[in-house]
């Protein structure tokens, strides 16, 4: 568990990104000096490697300005990567990000200042979806969260797998996200995503993840997967590691929709919108919400699968995972 620091102004508990020397409070915007190194009482986790001196200041000093409500805040990170001018370029991811942002702000009442966009089109260099910036954004999302807060992480881009050597994965593979610079800096592995977004969440905080990527079924490494048939019958599948290491939260709630099962690929296609390319998963998720099929998690999942299935050429099956099992047809979906 990473060390926390206390805001020098409002005493909010903050979780600094690794290697940072100061941090801006997302509640009151005051800057708190951490002191750097071991003298400040904060040591970056070893998996993050060495931080160069010129990179030590946290780029997330542009946290949402002004004091939001003490409880019930809505906060989102939207990350979309097109890998432009590369051999693995995607056409629909930036469209996914723009559509998701519009829905969050205009339909679901997320404050515009609380929606952090990471795409190649951003002017701020810290909002380009590199591995380092994606890590910082995930820390920012959960930083200072309080009971009543609703958080959302949306990713549209490439996903992959790599061999798991610890025996914690049922299929023998870790699922990964591919930052813009993954070919030089490496991928972000599901264990790290779980450690950053899932494990720190306290009681009363809710996080939804919307992951539009290949091999994304269990990319948050959550302990339960909803195994649903085409007729809508479901049962929860235990994906807890044999080692017994807990992959859940510190009392919070995490639920993830993903584009496909771990062994499947997710489509980047114009077959659904008929106008422009989109991620099939993101398109079908937004359609479910906007067409009145977003009452429960089960209704959303069935709607997504139905929308994708109607194309005839797509075989991916969106998945639902959670930190705890629940009745998908009675639990209300709420962002």
C-alpha atoms as a PDB file:
ATOM      1  CA  UNK A   1       0.000   0.000   0.000  1.00  0.00           C
ATOM      2  CA  UNK A   2       1.392   3.397  -0.951  1.00  0.00           C
ATOM      3  CA  UNK A   3       1.945   6.029   1.771  1.00  0.00           C
ATOM      4  CA  UNK A   4      -0.534   8.892   2.114  1.00  0.00           C
ATOM      5  CA  UNK A   5       0.197  12.533   2.881  1.00  0.00           C
ATOM      6  CA  UNK A   6      -2.120  15.062   4.500  1.00  0.00           C
ATOM      7  CA  UNK A   7      -3.097  18.268   2.689  1.00  0.00           C
ATOM      8  CA  UNK A   8      -1.467  21.226   4.418  1.00  0.00           C
ATOM      9  CA  UNK A   9      -4.671  23.272   4.110  1.00  0.00           C
ATOM     10  CA  UNK A  10      -7.771  21.060   4.484  1.00  0.00           C
ATOM     11  CA  UNK A  11      -6.237  17.858   5.930  1.00  0.00           C
ATOM     12  CA  UNK A  12      -7.548  15.648   3.118  1.00  0.00           C
ATOM     13  CA  UNK A  13      -5.604  12.399   2.744  1.00  0.00           C
ATOM     14  CA  UNK A  14      -3.785  12.431  -0.614  1.00  0.00           C
ATOM     15  CA  UNK A  15      -2.096   9.583  -2.489  1.00  0.00           C
ATOM     16  CA  UNK A  16       0.937  10.973  -4.366  1.00  0.00           C
ATOM     17  CA  UNK A  17       2.145   9.426  -7.624  1.00  0.00           C
ATOM     18  CA  UNK A  18       5.554   7.764  -7.283  1.00  0.00           C
ATOM     19  CA  UNK A  19       8.546  10.109  -7.194  1.00  0.00           C
ATOM     20  CA  UNK A  20       6.603  13.353  -6.780  1.00  0.00           C
ATOM     21  CA  UNK A  21       7.918  16.100  -4.463  1.00  0.00           C
ATOM     22  CA  UNK A  22       4.677  18.033  -4.100  1.00  0.00           C
ATOM     23  CA  UNK A  23       1.007  17.489  -4.821  1.00  0.00           C
ATOM     24  CA  UNK A  24      -2.034  19.695  -5.388  1.00  0.00           C
ATOM     25  CA  UNK A  25      -5.112  18.778  -3.374  1.00  0.00           C
ATOM     26  CA  UNK A  26      -8.112  17.902  -5.558  1.00  0.00           C
ATOM     27  CA  UNK A  27     -10.409  19.299  -2.839  1.00  0.00           C
ATOM     28  CA  UNK A  28      -9.006  22.761  -2.043  1.00  0.00           C
ATOM     29  CA  UNK A  29      -6.199  23.091  -4.686  1.00  0.00           C
ATOM     30  CA  UNK A  30      -3.545  23.811  -2.035  1.00  0.00           C
ATOM     31  CA  UNK A  31      -0.048  22.515  -2.789  1.00  0.00           C
ATOM     32  CA  UNK A  32       1.561  20.294  -0.164  1.00  0.00           C
ATOM     33  CA  UNK A  33       5.307  19.641  -0.204  1.00  0.00           C
ATOM     34  CA  UNK A  34       6.206  16.002   0.293  1.00  0.00           C
ATOM     35  CA  UNK A  35       9.921  16.552   0.786  1.00  0.00           C
ATOM     36  CA  UNK A  36      11.150  13.996  -1.763  1.00  0.00           C
ATOM     37  CA  UNK A  37      13.093  10.802  -1.140  1.00  0.00           C
ATOM     38  CA  UNK A  38      12.903   8.796   2.022  1.00  0.00           C
ATOM     39  CA  UNK A  39      13.178  11.929   4.171  1.00  0.00           C
ATOM     40  CA  UNK A  40       9.603  12.866   3.263  1.00  0.00           C
ATOM     41  CA  UNK A  41       8.198   9.582   4.505  1.00  0.00           C
ATOM     42  CA  UNK A  42       7.222   8.435   1.013  1.00  0.00           C
ATOM     43  CA  UNK A  43       9.001   5.807  -1.034  1.00  0.00           C
ATOM     44  CA  UNK A  44       7.823   4.993  -4.567  1.00  0.00           C
ATOM     45  CA  UNK A  45       6.954   1.337  -5.095  1.00  0.00           C
ATOM     46  CA  UNK A  46       9.879  -0.536  -6.650  1.00  0.00           C
ATOM     47  CA  UNK A  47       7.871  -1.607  -9.722  1.00  0.00           C
ATOM     48  CA  UNK A  48       7.880   1.945 -11.010  1.00  0.00           C
ATOM     49  CA  UNK A  49      11.621   2.089 -11.456  1.00  0.00           C
ATOM     50  CA  UNK A  50      13.953   5.089 -11.200  1.00  0.00           C
ATOM     51  CA  UNK A  51      12.490   8.584 -11.583  1.00  0.00           C
ATOM     52  CA  UNK A  52      14.748  11.133 -13.238  1.00  0.00           C
ATOM     53  CA  UNK A  53      15.145  14.436 -11.389  1.00  0.00           C
ATOM     54  CA  UNK A  54      13.592  16.525 -14.153  1.00  0.00           C
ATOM     55  CA  UNK A  55      10.489  14.317 -14.027  1.00  0.00           C
ATOM     56  CA  UNK A  56      10.022  14.467 -10.269  1.00  0.00           C
ATOM     57  CA  UNK A  57       7.273  17.144 -10.115  1.00  0.00           C
ATOM     58  CA  UNK A  58       3.810  15.698 -10.474  1.00  0.00           C
ATOM     59  CA  UNK A  59       2.184  16.727 -13.750  1.00  0.00           C
ATOM     60  CA  UNK A  60      -1.202  16.630 -12.034  1.00  0.00           C
ATOM     61  CA  UNK A  61      -0.877  20.077 -10.510  1.00  0.00           C
ATOM     62  CA  UNK A  62      -3.742  20.945 -12.829  1.00  0.00           C
ATOM     63  CA  UNK A  63      -6.209  18.981 -10.695  1.00  0.00           C
ATOM     64  CA  UNK A  64      -9.824  20.183 -10.927  1.00  0.00           C
ATOM     65  CA  UNK A  65      -9.873  23.771  -9.597  1.00  0.00           C
ATOM     66  CA  UNK A  66     -12.048  25.013  -6.779  1.00  0.00           C
ATOM     67  CA  UNK A  67     -13.644  23.063  -3.930  1.00  0.00           C
ATOM     68  CA  UNK A  68     -16.152  20.495  -5.205  1.00  0.00           C
ATOM     69  CA  UNK A  69     -18.839  19.157  -2.866  1.00  0.00           C
ATOM     70  CA  UNK A  70     -17.402  17.290   0.109  1.00  0.00           C
ATOM     71  CA  UNK A  71     -19.329  14.157  -0.873  1.00  0.00           C
ATOM     72  CA  UNK A  72     -20.835  12.787  -4.046  1.00  0.00           C
ATOM     73  CA  UNK A  73     -18.175  14.075  -6.425  1.00  0.00           C
ATOM     74  CA  UNK A  74     -18.031  12.699  -9.957  1.00  0.00           C
ATOM     75  CA  UNK A  75     -14.600  12.288 -11.493  1.00  0.00           C
ATOM     76  CA  UNK A  76     -13.472  10.573 -14.692  1.00  0.00           C
ATOM     77  CA  UNK A  77     -10.410   9.685 -16.745  1.00  0.00           C
ATOM     78  CA  UNK A  78     -10.948   9.084 -20.462  1.00  0.00           C
ATOM     79  CA  UNK A  79      -7.966   7.595 -22.279  1.00  0.00           C
ATOM     80  CA  UNK A  80      -8.059   6.960 -26.041  1.00  0.00           C
ATOM     81  CA  UNK A  81      -5.114   6.039 -28.246  1.00  0.00           C
ATOM     82  CA  UNK A  82      -5.079   5.882 -32.052  1.00  0.00           C
ATOM     83  CA  UNK A  83      -1.350   5.063 -32.462  1.00  0.00           C
ATOM     84  CA  UNK A  84      -1.403   7.429 -35.428  1.00  0.00           C
ATOM     85  CA  UNK A  85       1.090   6.850 -38.243  1.00  0.00           C
ATOM     86  CA  UNK A  86       2.092   3.463 -36.870  1.00  0.00           C
ATOM     87  CA  UNK A  87       1.555  -0.059 -38.112  1.00  0.00           C
ATOM     88  CA  UNK A  88      -1.100  -0.597 -35.429  1.00  0.00           C
ATOM     89  CA  UNK A  89      -3.181   2.547 -36.021  1.00  0.00           C
ATOM     90  CA  UNK A  90      -6.814   2.554 -34.870  1.00  0.00           C
ATOM     91  CA  UNK A  91      -9.482   4.786 -36.424  1.00  0.00           C
ATOM     92  CA  UNK A  92     -12.253   4.957 -33.857  1.00  0.00           C
ATOM     93  CA  UNK A  93     -10.639   5.530 -30.470  1.00  0.00           C
ATOM     94  CA  UNK A  94     -10.630   9.339 -30.478  1.00  0.00           C
ATOM     95  CA  UNK A  95     -14.293   9.266 -31.507  1.00  0.00           C
ATOM     96  CA  UNK A  96     -14.946   6.954 -28.559  1.00  0.00           C
ATOM     97  CA  UNK A  97     -13.325   9.439 -26.179  1.00  0.00           C
ATOM     98  CA  UNK A  98     -15.305  12.406 -27.496  1.00  0.00           C
ATOM     99  CA  UNK A  99     -18.601  10.540 -27.341  1.00  0.00           C
ATOM    100  CA  UNK A 100     -17.901   9.285 -23.815  1.00  0.00           C
ATOM    101  CA  UNK A 101     -16.959  12.768 -22.636  1.00  0.00           C
ATOM    102  CA  UNK A 102     -20.140  14.242 -24.114  1.00  0.00           C
ATOM    103  CA  UNK A 103     -22.295  11.630 -22.411  1.00  0.00           C
ATOM    104  CA  UNK A 104     -20.614  12.028 -19.028  1.00  0.00           C
ATOM    105  CA  UNK A 105     -20.914  15.816 -19.019  1.00  0.00           C
ATOM    106  CA  UNK A 106     -24.265  16.320 -20.747  1.00  0.00           C
ATOM    107  CA  UNK A 107     -26.208  13.208 -19.750  1.00  0.00           C
ATOM    108  CA  UNK A 108     -24.670  12.003 -16.502  1.00  0.00           C
ATOM    109  CA  UNK A 109     -23.778  15.368 -14.953  1.00  0.00           C
ATOM    110  CA  UNK A 110     -20.026  14.965 -14.509  1.00  0.00           C
ATOM    111  CA  UNK A 111     -18.445  18.427 -13.992  1.00  0.00           C
ATOM    112  CA  UNK A 112     -16.399  19.324 -17.071  1.00  0.00           C
ATOM    113  CA  UNK A 113     -13.384  20.211 -14.902  1.00  0.00           C
ATOM    114  CA  UNK A 114     -13.491  16.721 -13.347  1.00  0.00           C
ATOM    115  CA  UNK A 115     -13.163  14.871 -16.665  1.00  0.00           C
ATOM    116  CA  UNK A 116      -9.523  14.320 -17.579  1.00  0.00           C
ATOM    117  CA  UNK A 117      -8.899  13.491 -21.262  1.00  0.00           C
ATOM    118  CA  UNK A 118      -5.764  11.683 -22.451  1.00  0.00           C
ATOM    119  CA  UNK A 119      -5.531  11.532 -26.266  1.00  0.00           C
ATOM    120  CA  UNK A 120      -2.955  12.329 -28.926  1.00  0.00           C
ATOM    121  CA  UNK A 121      -4.968  15.445 -29.800  1.00  0.00           C
ATOM    122  CA  UNK A 122      -4.390  17.144 -26.446  1.00  0.00           C
ATOM    123  CA  UNK A 123      -2.136  20.219 -26.340  1.00  0.00           C
ATOM    124  CA  UNK A 124      -0.986  19.617 -22.769  1.00  0.00           C
ATOM    125  CA  UNK A 125       2.033  17.253 -22.988  1.00  0.00           C
ATOM    126  CA  UNK A 126       0.985  15.648 -19.703  1.00  0.00           C
ATOM    127  CA  UNK A 127      -2.320  14.587 -21.281  1.00  0.00           C
ATOM    128  CA  UNK A 128      -0.739  12.582 -24.085  1.00  0.00           C
ATOM    129  CA  UNK A 129      -1.496   8.902 -23.289  1.00  0.00           C
ATOM    130  CA  UNK A 130       2.057   7.738 -22.625  1.00  0.00           C
ATOM    131  CA  UNK A 131       2.693   5.057 -20.027  1.00  0.00           C
ATOM    132  CA  UNK A 132       3.849   7.593 -17.463  1.00  0.00           C
ATOM    133  CA  UNK A 133       0.883   9.908 -18.032  1.00  0.00           C
ATOM    134  CA  UNK A 134      -1.603   7.035 -17.879  1.00  0.00           C
ATOM    135  CA  UNK A 135      -0.132   5.986 -14.543  1.00  0.00           C
ATOM    136  CA  UNK A 136      -0.387   9.532 -13.218  1.00  0.00           C
ATOM    137  CA  UNK A 137      -3.987   9.818 -14.441  1.00  0.00           C
ATOM    138  CA  UNK A 138      -4.991   6.637 -12.615  1.00  0.00           C
ATOM    139  CA  UNK A 139      -3.441   7.960  -9.406  1.00  0.00           C
ATOM    140  CA  UNK A 140      -5.247  11.276  -9.907  1.00  0.00           C
ATOM    141  CA  UNK A 141      -8.579   9.493 -10.324  1.00  0.00           C
ATOM    142  CA  UNK A 142      -8.509   7.814  -6.915  1.00  0.00           C
ATOM    143  CA  UNK A 143      -6.582  10.559  -5.102  1.00  0.00           C
ATOM    144  CA  UNK A 144      -8.528  11.986  -2.166  1.00  0.00           C
ATOM    145  CA  UNK A 145     -11.676   9.945  -2.876  1.00  0.00           C
ATOM    146  CA  UNK A 146     -14.348  10.051  -0.176  1.00  0.00           C
ATOM    147  CA  UNK A 147     -17.567   8.151   0.588  1.00  0.00           C
ATOM    148  CA  UNK A 148     -20.237   9.040  -1.949  1.00  0.00           C
ATOM    149  CA  UNK A 149     -17.790   9.681  -4.807  1.00  0.00           C
ATOM    150  CA  UNK A 150     -18.411   8.135  -8.235  1.00  0.00           C
ATOM    151  CA  UNK A 151     -15.310   7.514 -10.372  1.00  0.00           C
ATOM    152  CA  UNK A 152     -15.031   6.342 -13.974  1.00  0.00           C
ATOM    153  CA  UNK A 153     -12.078   5.069 -16.027  1.00  0.00           C
ATOM    154  CA  UNK A 154     -12.622   4.686 -19.766  1.00  0.00           C
ATOM    155  CA  UNK A 155      -9.968   3.263 -22.087  1.00  0.00           C
ATOM    156  CA  UNK A 156     -10.154   2.805 -25.841  1.00  0.00           C
ATOM    157  CA  UNK A 157      -7.050   1.411 -27.502  1.00  0.00           C
ATOM    158  CA  UNK A 158      -5.016  -1.739 -27.936  1.00  0.00           C
ATOM    159  CA  UNK A 159      -5.029  -4.458 -25.309  1.00  0.00           C
ATOM    160  CA  UNK A 160      -2.808  -7.506 -25.159  1.00  0.00           C
ATOM    161  CA  UNK A 161      -1.638 -10.398 -22.986  1.00  0.00           C
ATOM    162  CA  UNK A 162       1.640 -11.614 -21.553  1.00  0.00           C
ATOM    163  CA  UNK A 163       2.624 -14.826 -19.808  1.00  0.00           C
ATOM    164  CA  UNK A 164       1.955 -14.838 -16.069  1.00  0.00           C
ATOM    165  CA  UNK A 165       4.709 -16.559 -14.081  1.00  0.00           C
ATOM    166  CA  UNK A 166       3.180 -16.277 -10.596  1.00  0.00           C
ATOM    167  CA  UNK A 167       0.305 -18.717 -11.084  1.00  0.00           C
ATOM    168  CA  UNK A 168      -2.320 -16.075 -10.235  1.00  0.00           C
ATOM    169  CA  UNK A 169      -4.143 -16.219 -13.596  1.00  0.00           C
ATOM    170  CA  UNK A 170      -6.557 -19.035 -14.433  1.00  0.00           C
ATOM    171  CA  UNK A 171      -5.565 -18.963 -18.109  1.00  0.00           C
ATOM    172  CA  UNK A 172      -1.851 -18.374 -17.450  1.00  0.00           C
ATOM    173  CA  UNK A 173      -1.838 -14.849 -18.920  1.00  0.00           C
ATOM    174  CA  UNK A 174      -1.882 -11.304 -17.565  1.00  0.00           C
ATOM    175  CA  UNK A 175      -4.054  -8.860 -19.479  1.00  0.00           C
ATOM    176  CA  UNK A 176      -2.505  -5.526 -20.464  1.00  0.00           C
ATOM    177  CA  UNK A 177      -3.251  -2.047 -21.807  1.00  0.00           C
ATOM    178  CA  UNK A 178      -0.971  -0.577 -24.472  1.00  0.00           C
ATOM    179  CA  UNK A 179       0.046   3.066 -23.928  1.00  0.00           C
ATOM    180  CA  UNK A 180       1.069   5.198 -26.887  1.00  0.00           C
ATOM    181  CA  UNK A 181       4.728   4.403 -26.185  1.00  0.00           C
ATOM    182  CA  UNK A 182       4.245   0.715 -25.300  1.00  0.00           C
ATOM    183  CA  UNK A 183       6.789  -0.427 -27.880  1.00  0.00           C
ATOM    184  CA  UNK A 184       9.572   1.362 -25.990  1.00  0.00           C
ATOM    185  CA  UNK A 185       8.197   1.708 -22.431  1.00  0.00           C
ATOM    186  CA  UNK A 186       6.162  -1.480 -22.151  1.00  0.00           C
ATOM    187  CA  UNK A 187       2.532  -2.223 -21.382  1.00  0.00           C
ATOM    188  CA  UNK A 188       0.488  -1.607 -18.224  1.00  0.00           C
ATOM    189  CA  UNK A 189      -0.289  -4.977 -16.634  1.00  0.00           C
ATOM    190  CA  UNK A 190      -3.560  -5.896 -14.906  1.00  0.00           C
ATOM    191  CA  UNK A 191      -1.778  -6.333 -11.554  1.00  0.00           C
ATOM    192  CA  UNK A 192      -0.716  -2.683 -11.604  1.00  0.00           C
ATOM    193  CA  UNK A 193      -4.176  -1.512 -12.666  1.00  0.00           C
ATOM    194  CA  UNK A 194      -5.661  -3.447  -9.750  1.00  0.00           C
ATOM    195  CA  UNK A 195      -3.107  -2.064  -7.293  1.00  0.00           C
ATOM    196  CA  UNK A 196      -3.725   1.515  -8.448  1.00  0.00           C
ATOM    197  CA  UNK A 197      -7.465   1.725  -9.122  1.00  0.00           C
ATOM    198  CA  UNK A 198      -9.029  -1.115  -7.145  1.00  0.00           C
ATOM    199  CA  UNK A 199      -7.222  -1.913  -3.911  1.00  0.00           C
ATOM    200  CA  UNK A 200      -7.084   1.653  -2.474  1.00  0.00           C
ATOM    201  CA  UNK A 201     -10.843   2.357  -2.784  1.00  0.00           C
ATOM    202  CA  UNK A 202     -12.406   2.930   0.667  1.00  0.00           C
ATOM    203  CA  UNK A 203     -15.953   2.128   1.742  1.00  0.00           C
ATOM    204  CA  UNK A 204     -18.583   4.271   0.034  1.00  0.00           C
ATOM    205  CA  UNK A 205     -16.583   4.992  -3.133  1.00  0.00           C
ATOM    206  CA  UNK A 206     -17.762   3.537  -6.455  1.00  0.00           C
ATOM    207  CA  UNK A 207     -15.590   3.037  -9.536  1.00  0.00           C
ATOM    208  CA  UNK A 208     -16.777   1.966 -12.979  1.00  0.00           C
ATOM    209  CA  UNK A 209     -14.326   0.961 -15.694  1.00  0.00           C
ATOM    210  CA  UNK A 210     -15.261   0.897 -19.386  1.00  0.00           C
ATOM    211  CA  UNK A 211     -12.469  -0.916 -21.233  1.00  0.00           C
ATOM    212  CA  UNK A 212     -12.699  -1.077 -25.040  1.00  0.00           C
ATOM    213  CA  UNK A 213      -9.706  -3.218 -25.957  1.00  0.00           C
ATOM    214  CA  UNK A 214      -8.721  -6.696 -27.078  1.00  0.00           C
ATOM    215  CA  UNK A 215      -8.190  -9.366 -24.362  1.00  0.00           C
ATOM    216  CA  UNK A 216      -9.872  -7.057 -21.836  1.00  0.00           C
ATOM    217  CA  UNK A 217     -12.273  -9.389 -20.010  1.00  0.00           C
ATOM    218  CA  UNK A 218     -10.379  -9.389 -16.699  1.00  0.00           C
ATOM    219  CA  UNK A 219      -7.997  -6.474 -17.244  1.00  0.00           C
ATOM    220  CA  UNK A 220      -8.842  -4.960 -13.838  1.00  0.00           C
ATOM    221  CA  UNK A 221      -8.013  -8.311 -12.221  1.00  0.00           C
ATOM    222  CA  UNK A 222     -11.292  -8.266 -10.283  1.00  0.00           C
ATOM    223  CA  UNK A 223     -12.141 -11.454  -8.375  1.00  0.00           C
ATOM    224  CA  UNK A 224     -15.508 -12.192 -10.034  1.00  0.00           C
ATOM    225  CA  UNK A 225     -16.544 -12.502 -13.689  1.00  0.00           C
ATOM    226  CA  UNK A 226     -20.185 -12.685 -14.779  1.00  0.00           C
ATOM    227  CA  UNK A 227     -20.325 -15.648 -17.152  1.00  0.00           C
ATOM    228  CA  UNK A 228     -23.478 -14.964 -19.191  1.00  0.00           C
ATOM    229  CA  UNK A 229     -25.013 -17.135 -21.911  1.00  0.00           C
ATOM    230  CA  UNK A 230     -26.604 -15.765 -25.075  1.00  0.00           C
ATOM    231  CA  UNK A 231     -30.024 -16.395 -23.540  1.00  0.00           C
ATOM    232  CA  UNK A 232     -29.166 -14.094 -20.625  1.00  0.00           C
ATOM    233  CA  UNK A 233     -28.643 -16.745 -17.934  1.00  0.00           C
ATOM    234  CA  UNK A 234     -25.599 -15.965 -15.821  1.00  0.00           C
ATOM    235  CA  UNK A 235     -23.472 -17.150 -12.927  1.00  0.00           C
ATOM    236  CA  UNK A 236     -20.494 -15.537 -11.255  1.00  0.00           C
ATOM    237  CA  UNK A 237     -17.143 -17.177 -11.911  1.00  0.00           C
ATOM    238  CA  UNK A 238     -14.511 -16.948  -9.176  1.00  0.00           C
ATOM    239  CA  UNK A 239     -11.281 -15.520 -10.569  1.00  0.00           C
ATOM    240  CA  UNK A 240      -9.528 -15.146  -7.249  1.00  0.00           C
ATOM    241  CA  UNK A 241      -5.906 -16.306  -7.451  1.00  0.00           C
ATOM    242  CA  UNK A 242      -4.995 -19.666  -5.968  1.00  0.00           C
ATOM    243  CA  UNK A 243      -2.438 -17.885  -3.797  1.00  0.00           C
ATOM    244  CA  UNK A 244      -5.326 -16.337  -1.872  1.00  0.00           C
ATOM    245  CA  UNK A 245      -4.130 -12.765  -2.492  1.00  0.00           C
ATOM    246  CA  UNK A 246      -7.187 -10.486  -2.357  1.00  0.00           C
ATOM    247  CA  UNK A 247      -7.888  -8.610  -5.596  1.00  0.00           C
ATOM    248  CA  UNK A 248     -10.782  -6.546  -4.240  1.00  0.00           C
ATOM    249  CA  UNK A 249     -11.020  -3.137  -2.597  1.00  0.00           C
ATOM    250  CA  UNK A 250     -10.675  -1.666   0.882  1.00  0.00           C
ATOM    251  CA  UNK A 251     -14.472  -1.579   1.099  1.00  0.00           C
ATOM    252  CA  UNK A 252     -15.304   0.349  -2.070  1.00  0.00           C
ATOM    253  CA  UNK A 253     -17.170  -0.958  -5.096  1.00  0.00           C
ATOM    254  CA  UNK A 254     -15.621  -1.621  -8.516  1.00  0.00           C
ATOM    255  CA  UNK A 255     -17.527  -2.865 -11.564  1.00  0.00           C
ATOM    256  CA  UNK A 256     -16.036  -3.141 -15.038  1.00  0.00           C
ATOM    257  CA  UNK A 257     -17.538  -3.502 -18.508  1.00  0.00           C
ATOM    258  CA  UNK A 258     -15.007  -4.724 -21.059  1.00  0.00           C
ATOM    259  CA  UNK A 259     -15.094  -5.200 -24.803  1.00  0.00           C
ATOM    260  CA  UNK A 260     -14.558  -8.944 -24.971  1.00  0.00           C
ATOM    261  CA  UNK A 261     -13.431 -12.090 -23.195  1.00  0.00           C
ATOM    262  CA  UNK A 262      -9.725 -12.509 -22.429  1.00  0.00           C
ATOM    263  CA  UNK A 263      -9.167 -14.761 -25.445  1.00  0.00           C
ATOM    264  CA  UNK A 264     -11.118 -12.508 -27.862  1.00  0.00           C
ATOM    265  CA  UNK A 265     -10.391  -9.333 -29.829  1.00  0.00           C
ATOM    266  CA  UNK A 266     -12.433  -6.105 -29.889  1.00  0.00           C
ATOM    267  CA  UNK A 267     -13.388  -4.423 -33.146  1.00  0.00           C
ATOM    268  CA  UNK A 268     -12.574  -0.920 -34.343  1.00  0.00           C
ATOM    269  CA  UNK A 269     -15.276  -0.552 -37.001  1.00  0.00           C
ATOM    270  CA  UNK A 270     -17.700   1.649 -38.932  1.00  0.00           C
ATOM    271  CA  UNK A 271     -20.261  -1.164 -39.089  1.00  0.00           C
ATOM    272  CA  UNK A 272     -22.252   0.136 -36.120  1.00  0.00           C
ATOM    273  CA  UNK A 273     -22.403   3.917 -36.523  1.00  0.00           C
ATOM    274  CA  UNK A 274     -22.590   3.710 -40.355  1.00  0.00           C
ATOM    275  CA  UNK A 275     -20.896   7.128 -40.387  1.00  0.00           C
ATOM    276  CA  UNK A 276     -17.477   6.866 -38.804  1.00  0.00           C
ATOM    277  CA  UNK A 277     -15.252   4.340 -37.060  1.00  0.00           C
ATOM    278  CA  UNK A 278     -15.834   3.613 -33.382  1.00  0.00           C
ATOM    279  CA  UNK A 279     -14.961   0.936 -30.882  1.00  0.00           C
ATOM    280  CA  UNK A 280     -17.812  -1.577 -31.022  1.00  0.00           C
ATOM    281  CA  UNK A 281     -17.867  -1.844 -27.236  1.00  0.00           C
ATOM    282  CA  UNK A 282     -17.939   1.919 -26.522  1.00  0.00           C
ATOM    283  CA  UNK A 283     -20.614   2.475 -29.179  1.00  0.00           C
ATOM    284  CA  UNK A 284     -22.836  -0.299 -27.814  1.00  0.00           C
ATOM    285  CA  UNK A 285     -22.396   0.898 -24.207  1.00  0.00           C
ATOM    286  CA  UNK A 286     -23.419   4.470 -25.054  1.00  0.00           C
ATOM    287  CA  UNK A 287     -26.336   3.181 -27.154  1.00  0.00           C
ATOM    288  CA  UNK A 288     -27.596   1.134 -24.203  1.00  0.00           C
ATOM    289  CA  UNK A 289     -27.573   4.189 -21.917  1.00  0.00           C
ATOM    290  CA  UNK A 290     -29.119   6.592 -24.433  1.00  0.00           C
ATOM    291  CA  UNK A 291     -31.813   4.147 -25.605  1.00  0.00           C
ATOM    292  CA  UNK A 292     -33.163   3.541 -22.115  1.00  0.00           C
ATOM    293  CA  UNK A 293     -31.583   0.141 -21.574  1.00  0.00           C
ATOM    294  CA  UNK A 294     -29.286   1.265 -18.774  1.00  0.00           C
ATOM    295  CA  UNK A 295     -31.511   0.474 -15.796  1.00  0.00           C
ATOM    296  CA  UNK A 296     -29.472  -2.500 -14.551  1.00  0.00           C
ATOM    297  CA  UNK A 297     -26.092  -4.063 -15.269  1.00  0.00           C
ATOM    298  CA  UNK A 298     -27.778  -7.056 -16.840  1.00  0.00           C
ATOM    299  CA  UNK A 299     -29.851  -4.918 -19.191  1.00  0.00           C
ATOM    300  CA  UNK A 300     -26.752  -3.004 -20.294  1.00  0.00           C
ATOM    301  CA  UNK A 301     -24.701  -6.143 -20.901  1.00  0.00           C
ATOM    302  CA  UNK A 302     -27.482  -7.820 -22.878  1.00  0.00           C
ATOM    303  CA  UNK A 303     -28.084  -4.656 -24.907  1.00  0.00           C
ATOM    304  CA  UNK A 304     -24.378  -4.346 -25.736  1.00  0.00           C
ATOM    305  CA  UNK A 305     -24.165  -7.957 -26.864  1.00  0.00           C
ATOM    306  CA  UNK A 306     -27.326  -7.615 -28.925  1.00  0.00           C
ATOM    307  CA  UNK A 307     -26.093  -4.450 -30.667  1.00  0.00           C
ATOM    308  CA  UNK A 308     -22.755  -6.039 -31.556  1.00  0.00           C
ATOM    309  CA  UNK A 309     -24.357  -9.339 -32.561  1.00  0.00           C
ATOM    310  CA  UNK A 310     -26.639  -7.640 -35.083  1.00  0.00           C
ATOM    311  CA  UNK A 311     -23.648  -6.736 -37.258  1.00  0.00           C
ATOM    312  CA  UNK A 312     -23.217 -10.383 -38.171  1.00  0.00           C
ATOM    313  CA  UNK A 313     -19.484 -10.086 -38.591  1.00  0.00           C
ATOM    314  CA  UNK A 314     -18.365  -9.409 -35.011  1.00  0.00           C
ATOM    315  CA  UNK A 315     -17.884 -12.266 -32.562  1.00  0.00           C
ATOM    316  CA  UNK A 316     -16.694 -10.347 -29.482  1.00  0.00           C
ATOM    317  CA  UNK A 317     -18.793 -10.679 -26.329  1.00  0.00           C
ATOM    318  CA  UNK A 318     -18.610  -7.801 -23.813  1.00  0.00           C
ATOM    319  CA  UNK A 319     -17.894  -8.944 -20.265  1.00  0.00           C
ATOM    320  CA  UNK A 320     -18.817  -7.796 -16.761  1.00  0.00           C
ATOM    321  CA  UNK A 321     -16.492  -8.199 -13.771  1.00  0.00           C
ATOM    322  CA  UNK A 322     -16.854  -7.036 -10.187  1.00  0.00           C
ATOM    323  CA  UNK A 323     -15.204  -6.987  -6.781  1.00  0.00           C
ATOM    324  CA  UNK A 324     -18.321  -8.708  -5.404  1.00  0.00           C
ATOM    325  CA  UNK A 325     -21.073 -10.851  -7.011  1.00  0.00           C
ATOM    326  CA  UNK A 326     -24.586  -9.371  -7.250  1.00  0.00           C
ATOM    327  CA  UNK A 327     -27.914  -9.859  -9.038  1.00  0.00           C
ATOM    328  CA  UNK A 328     -27.261  -8.191 -12.395  1.00  0.00           C
ATOM    329  CA  UNK A 329     -30.987  -7.887 -13.203  1.00  0.00           C
ATOM    330  CA  UNK A 330     -32.008  -6.103 -10.000  1.00  0.00           C
ATOM    331  CA  UNK A 331     -28.971  -3.987  -9.113  1.00  0.00           C
ATOM    332  CA  UNK A 332     -29.538  -0.485 -10.563  1.00  0.00           C
ATOM    333  CA  UNK A 333     -26.787   0.945 -12.752  1.00  0.00           C
ATOM    334  CA  UNK A 334     -25.735   4.290 -11.337  1.00  0.00           C
ATOM    335  CA  UNK A 335     -22.916   6.653 -12.294  1.00  0.00           C
END
